[in-house]
Amino acid sequence: MLTNLLLLLETEQDREQFTEIYQLCKQKMFSAAFQICHDTDTAEDITQEAFVKMISIFEKIKRMDDTKLLSLGIVIAKNTAIDRWRKEKASERAEEKIKRELFSRSAEEKYLAKAETEEMITAIRSLKDIYSEPLMLRYYHGLSIKTISKLLNISYPTAKQRICRGKRLLCEALRRTGK
């Protein structure tokens, strides 16, 4: 681990100084990371990442006394571990949401829902354009009546009225076809 870190430094003097800092802080930083993640491999990765962060501010820290360096190293390790934990939790939440959405319905239910949607769209498109356009914009695209009125260049009451009439005509058409 140390060898890879030393490659990031330019001079031999900086490498020697950083080796001393590494030896001073390594165990405490590892312990701080392990307290948060409870996994040896992850704690080692976090410690390595924390040392990379320390190298990025090496010019500022190379003149610090040992106590300050140790405190800084522990804080960086803890913050790095917390950041990683947060990212993992956010990733887990996103994964759970996707699983819920994907697996909440059976394949048969998904197929039926898709078929119903396609039938509804076909029925809406069979209406006159002045009724089908507002209905598609409202229920298929989820736009507000205000937005629909602007898009179609008609007044708000007209857009609302066309949606109401369109729904009524759609219900009548669906009753006639038996759906």
Protein backbone atom coordinates (compact mmCIF):
# COMPACT_ATOMS: atom_id res chain seq x y z
CA MET A 1 0.00 0.00 0.00
CA LEU A 2 2.74 2.45 0.95
CA THR A 3 4.74 1.83 -2.22
CA ASN A 4 1.84 2.92 -4.42
CA LEU A 5 1.31 6.04 -2.34
CA LEU A 6 4.98 7.02 -2.52
CA LEU A 7 4.77 7.00 -6.31
CA LEU A 8 2.48 10.01 -6.04
CA LEU A 9 5.22 12.12 -4.44
CA GLU A 10 7.93 13.87 -6.44
CA THR A 11 11.02 14.12 -4.26
CA GLU A 12 12.84 11.57 -2.13
CA GLN A 13 12.61 13.90 0.86
CA ASP A 14 8.80 14.05 0.49
CA ARG A 15 8.70 10.25 0.25
CA GLU A 16 10.70 9.88 3.46
CA GLN A 17 8.54 12.43 5.26
CA PHE A 18 5.36 10.75 4.06
CA THR A 19 6.67 7.33 5.13
CA GLU A 20 7.03 8.71 8.65
CA ILE A 21 3.49 10.14 8.53
CA TYR A 22 2.22 6.81 7.20
CA GLN A 23 3.89 4.84 10.00
CA LEU A 24 2.53 7.27 12.60
CA CYS A 25 -1.08 7.28 11.37
CA LYS A 26 -1.67 3.93 9.64
CA GLN A 27 -3.01 1.89 12.56
CA LYS A 28 -5.19 4.63 14.05
CA MET A 29 -6.68 5.52 10.66
CA PHE A 30 -7.39 1.86 9.95
CA SER A 31 -9.10 1.51 13.36
CA ALA A 32 -11.23 4.61 12.73
CA ALA A 33 -12.33 3.25 9.35
CA PHE A 34 -12.98 -0.23 10.77
CA GLN A 35 -15.22 1.19 13.52
CA ILE A 36 -17.52 2.53 10.84
CA CYS A 37 -17.45 -0.17 8.17
CA HIS A 38 -16.82 -3.31 10.31
CA ASP A 39 -14.95 -5.00 7.45
CA THR A 40 -11.18 -5.45 7.25
CA ASP A 41 -10.88 -5.22 3.46
CA THR A 42 -13.11 -2.17 3.24
CA ALA A 43 -11.25 -0.51 6.11
CA GLU A 44 -7.96 -1.06 4.26
CA ASP A 45 -9.43 0.49 1.11
CA ILE A 46 -10.72 3.45 3.08
CA THR A 47 -7.35 3.91 4.78
CA GLN A 48 -5.62 3.89 1.40
CA GLU A 49 -8.10 6.44 0.07
CA ALA A 50 -7.59 8.61 3.14
CA PHE A 51 -3.82 8.57 2.62
CA VAL A 52 -4.33 9.62 -1.01
CA LYS A 53 -6.32 12.57 0.31
CA MET A 54 -3.49 13.37 2.71
CA ILE A 55 -1.02 13.34 -0.18
CA SER A 56 -3.21 15.84 -2.01
CA ILE A 57 -2.69 18.26 0.89
CA PHE A 58 0.85 17.13 1.65
CA GLU A 59 2.38 20.59 1.31
CA LYS A 60 0.08 21.85 4.08
CA ILE A 61 0.52 18.93 6.43
CA LYS A 62 4.23 18.11 6.14
CA ARG A 63 5.12 20.75 8.74
CA MET A 64 2.46 19.70 11.28
CA ASP A 65 3.43 18.13 14.57
CA ASP A 66 2.64 14.45 15.21
CA THR A 67 -0.46 15.06 17.34
CA LYS A 68 -2.11 17.25 14.72
CA LEU A 69 -1.15 14.84 11.94
CA LEU A 70 -2.63 11.90 13.81
CA SER A 71 -5.85 13.82 14.53
CA LEU A 72 -6.12 14.94 10.93
CA GLY A 73 -5.50 11.40 9.66
CA ILE A 74 -8.22 9.98 11.89
CA VAL A 75 -10.71 12.66 10.81
CA ILE A 76 -9.95 12.07 7.14
CA ALA A 77 -10.31 8.29 7.58
CA LYS A 78 -13.62 8.67 9.45
CA ASN A 79 -15.02 11.09 6.89
CA THR A 80 -13.93 8.86 4.03
CA ALA A 81 -15.60 5.86 5.69
CA ILE A 82 -18.80 7.83 6.29
CA ASP A 83 -18.84 9.04 2.68
CA ARG A 84 -18.45 5.49 1.43
CA TRP A 85 -21.18 4.27 3.80
CA ARG A 86 -23.55 6.97 2.55
CA LYS A 87 -22.87 6.10 -1.09
CA GLU A 88 -23.48 2.42 -0.39
CA LYS A 89 -26.75 3.18 1.41
CA ALA A 90 -27.92 5.44 -1.43
CA SER A 91 -27.02 2.72 -3.91
CA GLU A 92 -28.89 0.11 -1.85
CA ARG A 93 -31.98 2.36 -1.67
CA ALA A 94 -31.92 2.89 -5.43
CA GLU A 95 -31.48 -0.84 -6.00
CA GLU A 96 -34.40 -1.63 -3.66
CA LYS A 97 -36.61 0.87 -5.46
CA ILE A 98 -35.79 -0.69 -8.81
CA LYS A 99 -36.48 -4.17 -7.45
CA ARG A 100 -39.82 -3.04 -6.02
CA GLU A 101 -40.82 -1.50 -9.32
CA LEU A 102 -39.63 -4.40 -11.44
CA PHE A 103 -40.91 -7.22 -9.29
CA SER A 104 -44.00 -5.68 -7.71
CA ARG A 105 -46.22 -7.09 -10.44
CA SER A 106 -46.17 -10.44 -12.14
CA ALA A 107 -45.35 -10.77 -15.82
CA GLU A 108 -49.00 -11.47 -16.54
CA GLU A 109 -50.08 -8.30 -14.74
CA LYS A 110 -47.48 -6.27 -16.63
CA TYR A 111 -48.63 -7.74 -19.94
CA LEU A 112 -52.29 -7.01 -19.17
CA ALA A 113 -51.49 -3.47 -18.06
CA LYS A 114 -49.54 -2.87 -21.27
CA ALA A 115 -52.35 -4.30 -23.37
CA GLU A 116 -54.92 -2.13 -21.57
CA THR A 117 -52.75 0.94 -22.10
CA GLU A 118 -52.40 0.18 -25.80
CA GLU A 119 -56.17 -0.34 -26.12
CA MET A 120 -56.81 2.95 -24.32
CA ILE A 121 -54.38 4.82 -26.58
CA THR A 122 -56.03 3.32 -29.66
CA ALA A 123 -59.45 4.35 -28.34
CA ILE A 124 -58.24 7.88 -27.58
CA ARG A 125 -56.72 8.21 -31.05
CA SER A 126 -60.03 7.18 -32.60
CA LEU A 127 -61.59 10.41 -31.23
CA LYS A 128 -61.45 13.72 -33.08
CA ASP A 129 -58.09 15.48 -32.71
CA ILE A 130 -59.56 18.31 -30.63
CA TYR A 131 -60.39 15.71 -27.94
CA SER A 132 -57.62 13.14 -28.43
CA GLU A 133 -54.73 15.61 -28.20
CA PRO A 134 -55.73 17.07 -24.81
CA LEU A 135 -56.49 13.57 -23.44
CA MET A 136 -53.12 12.19 -24.55
CA LEU A 137 -51.29 15.20 -23.15
CA ARG A 138 -53.15 14.99 -19.86
CA TYR A 139 -53.25 11.26 -19.12
CA TYR A 140 -50.47 9.76 -21.18
CA HIS A 141 -47.88 12.52 -20.78
CA GLY A 142 -49.10 13.77 -17.39
CA LEU A 143 -49.25 17.45 -18.28
CA SER A 144 -51.31 19.97 -16.37
CA ILE A 145 -54.35 21.60 -17.96
CA LYS A 146 -52.54 24.94 -17.86
CA THR A 147 -49.61 23.50 -19.83
CA ILE A 148 -51.97 21.82 -22.28
CA SER A 149 -53.78 25.10 -22.92
CA LYS A 150 -50.45 26.78 -23.70
CA LEU A 151 -49.25 23.94 -25.94
CA LEU A 152 -52.47 23.82 -27.93
CA ASN A 153 -52.81 27.61 -27.90
CA ILE A 154 -56.30 27.51 -26.40
CA SER A 155 -57.73 28.99 -23.23
CA TYR A 156 -57.64 27.12 -19.92
CA PRO A 157 -61.45 26.62 -19.79
CA THR A 158 -61.43 25.33 -23.37
CA ALA A 159 -58.69 22.82 -22.58
CA LYS A 160 -60.57 21.67 -19.48
CA GLN A 161 -63.81 21.36 -21.42
CA ARG A 162 -62.19 19.36 -24.24
CA ILE A 163 -60.69 16.95 -21.70
CA CYS A 164 -64.10 16.47 -20.03
CA ARG A 165 -65.89 15.96 -23.36
CA GLY A 166 -63.09 13.71 -24.57
CA LYS A 167 -63.42 11.51 -21.47
CA ARG A 168 -67.17 11.27 -21.98
CA LEU A 169 -66.76 10.35 -25.65
CA LEU A 170 -64.04 7.85 -24.72
CA CYS A 171 -66.32 6.14 -22.18
CA GLU A 172 -69.07 5.89 -24.78
CA ALA A 173 -66.66 4.43 -27.34
CA LEU A 174 -65.33 1.88 -24.86
CA ARG A 175 -68.88 0.85 -23.87
CA ARG A 176 -69.79 0.32 -27.51
CA THR A 177 -66.78 -1.95 -28.04
CA GLY A 178 -67.48 -3.79 -24.77
CA LYS A 179 -64.23 -2.95 -23.00
